PDB file of N, CA and C in Angstrom:
ATOM      1  N   GLY A   1    -107.231 151.770  39.310  1.00  0.00           N
ATOM      2  CA  GLY A   1    -106.944 151.586  38.999  1.00  0.00           C
ATOM      3  C   GLY A   1    -107.850 150.071  38.019  1.00  0.00           C
ATOM      4  N   ARG A   2    -107.715 148.696  39.101  1.00  0.00           N
ATOM      5  CA  ARG A   2    -109.160 148.045  38.726  1.00  0.00           C
ATOM      6  C   ARG A   2    -109.877 148.018  38.621  1.00  0.00           C
ATOM      7  N   GLU A   3    -110.683 149.226  39.660  1.00  0.00           N
ATOM      8  CA  GLU A   3    -111.784 149.368  39.055  1.00  0.00           C
ATOM      9  C   GLU A   3    -111.944 150.303  38.493  1.00  0.00           C
ATOM     10  N   ALA A   4    -111.765 150.553  37.675  1.00  0.00           N
ATOM     11  CA  ALA A   4    -111.732 151.477  36.283  1.00  0.00           C
ATOM     12  C   ALA A   4    -110.924 150.594  34.951  1.00  0.00           C
ATOM     13  N   GLY A   5    -111.431 149.396  35.122  1.00  0.00           N
ATOM     14  CA  GLY A   5    -110.976 148.388  34.301  1.00  0.00           C
ATOM     15  C   GLY A   5    -109.724 148.257  33.606  1.00  0.00           C
ATOM     16  N   LEU A   6    -108.262 148.952  34.302  1.00  0.00           N
ATOM     17  CA  LEU A   6    -107.019 148.247  34.248  1.00  0.00           C
ATOM     18  C   LEU A   6    -106.383 147.803  34.958  1.00  0.00           C
ATOM     19  N   ASP A   7    -105.815 147.257  33.728  1.00  0.00           N
ATOM     20  CA  ASP A   7    -104.475 145.524  34.220  1.00  0.00           C
ATOM     21  C   ASP A   7    -103.863 146.140  34.731  1.00  0.00           C
ATOM     22  N   PRO A   8    -103.335 146.263  36.029  1.00  0.00           N
ATOM     23  CA  PRO A   8    -101.764 146.288  36.729  1.00  0.00           C
ATOM     24  C   PRO A   8    -100.412 146.362  35.495  1.00  0.00           C
ATOM     25  N   GLN A   9    -100.875 144.388  35.061  1.00  0.00           N
ATOM     26  CA  GLN A   9     -99.624 143.701  34.388  1.00  0.00           C
ATOM     27  C   GLN A   9     -99.574 144.784  33.370  1.00  0.00           C
ATOM     28  N   ARG A  10    -100.035 145.022  31.956  1.00  0.00           N
ATOM     29  CA  ARG A  10    -100.302 146.250  31.125  1.00  0.00           C
ATOM     30  C   ARG A  10    -100.010 147.341  31.296  1.00  0.00           C
ATOM     31  N   CYS A  11    -100.165 147.912  32.643  1.00  0.00           N
ATOM     32  CA  CYS A  11     -99.581 149.172  32.963  1.00  0.00           C
ATOM     33  C   CYS A  11     -98.310 149.171  32.854  1.00  0.00           C
ATOM     34  N   LEU A  12     -98.006 148.151  33.599  1.00  0.00           N
ATOM     35  CA  LEU A  12     -96.436 148.237  34.026  1.00  0.00           C
ATOM     36  C   LEU A  12     -95.833 147.860  32.680  1.00  0.00           C
ATOM     37  N   ALA A  13     -96.269 146.768  32.012  1.00  0.00           N
ATOM     38  CA  ALA A  13     -95.739 145.967  30.481  1.00  0.00           C
ATOM     39  C   ALA A  13     -94.976 147.785  29.957  1.00  0.00           C
ATOM     40  N   LEU A  14     -96.504 148.750  29.998  1.00  0.00           N
ATOM     41  CA  LEU A  14     -96.128 149.854  28.515  1.00  0.00           C
ATOM     42  C   LEU A  14     -96.155 151.423  29.817  1.00  0.00           C
ATOM     43  N   ALA A  15     -95.325 150.940  30.908  1.00  0.00           N
ATOM     44  CA  ALA A  15     -94.573 152.132  31.709  1.00  0.00           C
ATOM     45  C   ALA A  15     -95.135 153.417  32.013  1.00  0.00           C
ATOM     46  N   ASP A  16     -96.665 152.248  32.224  1.00  0.00           N
ATOM     47  CA  ASP A  16     -97.729 153.555  32.364  1.00  0.00           C
ATOM     48  C   ASP A  16     -98.313 153.071  33.331  1.00  0.00           C
ATOM     49  N   ALA A  17     -97.592 153.093  34.942  1.00  0.00           N
ATOM     50  CA  ALA A  17     -97.819 153.024  36.288  1.00  0.00           C
ATOM     51  C   ALA A  17     -98.895 154.332  36.515  1.00  0.00           C
ATOM     52  N   GLY A  18     -98.609 154.979  35.878  1.00  0.00           N
ATOM     53  CA  GLY A  18     -98.801 156.848  36.750  1.00  0.00           C
ATOM     54  C   GLY A  18    -100.504 156.804  36.173  1.00  0.00           C
ATOM     55  N   ARG A  19    -100.887 156.391  35.620  1.00  0.00           N
ATOM     56  CA  ARG A  19    -102.624 156.101  34.741  1.00  0.00           C
ATOM     57  C   ARG A  19    -102.962 155.564  35.927  1.00  0.00           C
ATOM     58  N   PHE A  20    -102.562 154.267  36.163  1.00  0.00           N
ATOM     59  CA  PHE A  20    -102.829 152.949  36.917  1.00  0.00           C
ATOM     60  C   PHE A  20    -103.421 153.725  38.744  1.00  0.00           C
ATOM     61  N   LEU A  21    -101.651 154.587  38.896  1.00  0.00           N
ATOM     62  CA  LEU A  21    -101.814 155.517  39.903  1.00  0.00           C
ATOM     63  C   LEU A  21    -103.150 155.825  40.768  1.00  0.00           C
ATOM     64  N   ALA A  22    -103.620 156.605  39.127  1.00  0.00           N
ATOM     65  CA  ALA A  22    -104.042 158.375  39.416  1.00  0.00           C
ATOM     66  C   ALA A  22    -105.715 157.934  39.528  1.00  0.00           C
ATOM     67  N   ALA A  23    -105.896 156.701  39.308  1.00  0.00           N
ATOM     68  CA  ALA A  23    -106.945 155.447  38.964  1.00  0.00           C
ATOM     69  C   ALA A  23    -107.382 155.183  39.926  1.00  0.00           C
ATOM     70  N   SER A  24    -106.638 154.758  40.790  1.00  0.00           N
ATOM     71  CA  SER A  24    -106.896 154.357  41.953  1.00  0.00           C
ATOM     72  C   SER A  24    -106.554 155.597  43.040  1.00  0.00           C
ATOM     73  N   ARG A  25    -106.341 156.510  43.218  1.00  0.00           N
ATOM     74  CA  ARG A  25    -106.283 157.556  43.816  1.00  0.00           C
ATOM     75  C   ARG A  25    -104.973 157.464  44.724  1.00  0.00           C
ATOM     76  N   ASP A  26    -103.980 156.627  43.854  1.00  0.00           N
ATOM     77  CA  ASP A  26    -102.859 156.135  44.994  1.00  0.00           C
ATOM     78  C   ASP A  26    -101.056 156.855  44.214  1.00  0.00           C
ATOM     79  N   LEU A  27    -102.107 157.285  43.743  1.00  0.00           N
ATOM     80  CA  LEU A  27    -100.925 158.293  42.847  1.00  0.00           C
ATOM     81  C   LEU A  27     -99.907 159.612  43.877  1.00  0.00           C
ATOM     82  N   LEU A  28     -98.868 159.605  44.094  1.00  0.00           N
ATOM     83  CA  LEU A  28     -98.173 160.639  44.773  1.00  0.00           C
ATOM     84  C   LEU A  28     -97.780 161.662  43.966  1.00  0.00           C
ATOM     85  N   ILE A  29     -97.964 163.001  44.622  1.00  0.00           N
ATOM     86  CA  ILE A  29     -97.353 163.997  43.566  1.00  0.00           C
ATOM     87  C   ILE A  29     -96.423 165.553  44.487  1.00  0.00           C
ATOM     88  N   THR A  30     -95.344 164.925  44.151  1.00  0.00           N
ATOM     89  CA  THR A  30     -94.705 166.148  45.470  1.00  0.00           C
ATOM     90  C   THR A  30     -94.499 167.340  45.035  1.00  0.00           C
ATOM     91  N   GLY A  31     -94.692 167.585  43.980  1.00  0.00           N
ATOM     92  CA  GLY A  31     -94.570 169.589  43.594  1.00  0.00           C
ATOM     93  C   GLY A  31     -93.061 169.398  43.114  1.00  0.00           C
ATOM     94  N   PRO A  32     -93.246 170.734  43.057  1.00  0.00           N
ATOM     95  CA  PRO A  32     -91.312 171.245  42.660  1.00  0.00           C
ATOM     96  C   PRO A  32     -90.676 170.744  43.476  1.00  0.00           C
ATOM     97  N   THR A  33     -89.471 170.284  43.253  1.00  0.00           N
ATOM     98  CA  THR A  33     -88.581 170.152  43.932  1.00  0.00           C
ATOM     99  C   THR A  33     -87.378 171.582  43.605  1.00  0.00           C
ATOM    100  N   GLY A  34     -87.162 171.980  42.608  1.00  0.00           N
ATOM    101  CA  GLY A  34     -86.607 172.504  42.633  1.00  0.00           C
ATOM    102  C   GLY A  34     -85.015 172.238  42.180  1.00  0.00           C
ATOM    103  N   THR A  35     -84.742 170.682  42.652  1.00  0.00           N
ATOM    104  CA  THR A  35     -83.641 170.068  42.042  1.00  0.00           C
ATOM    105  C   THR A  35     -84.079 169.471  40.626  1.00  0.00           C
ATOM    106  N   ASN A  36     -82.968 168.876  39.684  1.00  0.00           N
ATOM    107  CA  ASN A  36     -83.115 167.147  39.587  1.00  0.00           C
ATOM    108  C   ASN A  36     -82.940 166.661  39.319  1.00  0.00           C
ATOM    109  N   VAL A  37     -83.539 166.388  40.717  1.00  0.00           N
ATOM    110  CA  VAL A  37     -83.748 164.842  41.126  1.00  0.00           C
ATOM    111  C   VAL A  37     -85.018 164.186  40.747  1.00  0.00           C
ATOM    112  N   MET A  38     -85.165 162.641  40.152  1.00  0.00           N
ATOM    113  CA  MET A  38     -86.199 162.513  39.076  1.00  0.00           C
ATOM    114  C   MET A  38     -86.736 161.679  39.864  1.00  0.00           C
ATOM    115  N   ASP A  39     -85.448 159.807  39.956  1.00  0.00           N
ATOM    116  CA  ASP A  39     -86.648 159.496  41.171  1.00  0.00           C
ATOM    117  C   ASP A  39     -86.615 159.064  42.495  1.00  0.00           C
ATOM    118  N   ILE A  40     -87.750 159.013  42.905  1.00  0.00           N
ATOM    119  CA  ILE A  40     -87.757 158.746  44.462  1.00  0.00           C
ATOM    120  C   ILE A  40     -88.120 157.094  44.608  1.00  0.00           C
ATOM    121  N   VAL A  41     -87.277 156.759  46.121  1.00  0.00           N
ATOM    122  CA  VAL A  41     -87.407 155.454  46.522  1.00  0.00           C
ATOM    123  C   VAL A  41     -88.337 155.820  48.032  1.00  0.00           C
ATOM    124  N   ILE A  42     -89.339 154.854  48.272  1.00  0.00           N
ATOM    125  CA  ILE A  42     -90.643 154.513  49.270  1.00  0.00           C
ATOM    126  C   ILE A  42     -90.451 153.785  50.176  1.00  0.00           C
ATOM    127  N   GLY A  43     -89.919 153.694  51.562  1.00  0.00           N
ATOM    128  CA  GLY A  43     -89.535 151.893  51.960  1.00  0.00           C
ATOM    129  C   GLY A  43     -91.269 151.806  52.968  1.00  0.00           C
ATOM    130  N   LEU A  44     -92.125 150.863  52.064  1.00  0.00           N
ATOM    131  CA  LEU A  44     -93.073 150.568  53.362  1.00  0.00           C
ATOM    132  C   LEU A  44     -92.893 149.232  54.399  1.00  0.00           C
ATOM    133  N   ALA A  45     -92.941 149.141  55.666  1.00  0.00           N
ATOM    134  CA  ALA A  45     -93.049 148.161  55.882  1.00  0.00           C
ATOM    135  C   ALA A  45     -94.685 147.658  56.631  1.00  0.00           C
ATOM    136  N   HIS A  46     -94.264 146.841  57.350  1.00  0.00           N
ATOM    137  CA  HIS A  46     -96.127 145.723  58.177  1.00  0.00           C
ATOM    138  C   HIS A  46     -95.739 145.503  59.424  1.00  0.00           C
ATOM    139  N   ALA A  47     -96.100 146.099  59.554  1.00  0.00           N
ATOM    140  CA  ALA A  47     -96.318 146.044  61.595  1.00  0.00           C
ATOM    141  C   ALA A  47     -97.210 144.570  61.168  1.00  0.00           C
ATOM    142  N   GLY A  48     -96.422 143.653  62.328  1.00  0.00           N
ATOM    143  CA  GLY A  48     -97.210 142.373  62.155  1.00  0.00           C
ATOM    144  C   GLY A  48     -96.317 141.380  62.561  1.00  0.00           C
TER     145      GLY A  48
END
């Protein structure tokens, strides 16, 4: 994202996180699910 010249705060303010994540190759694309679910929650934990 930043390497592509995008500002993460501006992308969030514009509800355009997808463009930032795509530019940083961090966009998660799940593909068709066959359901009408529009939200996904992901939990991350750091061992340490």
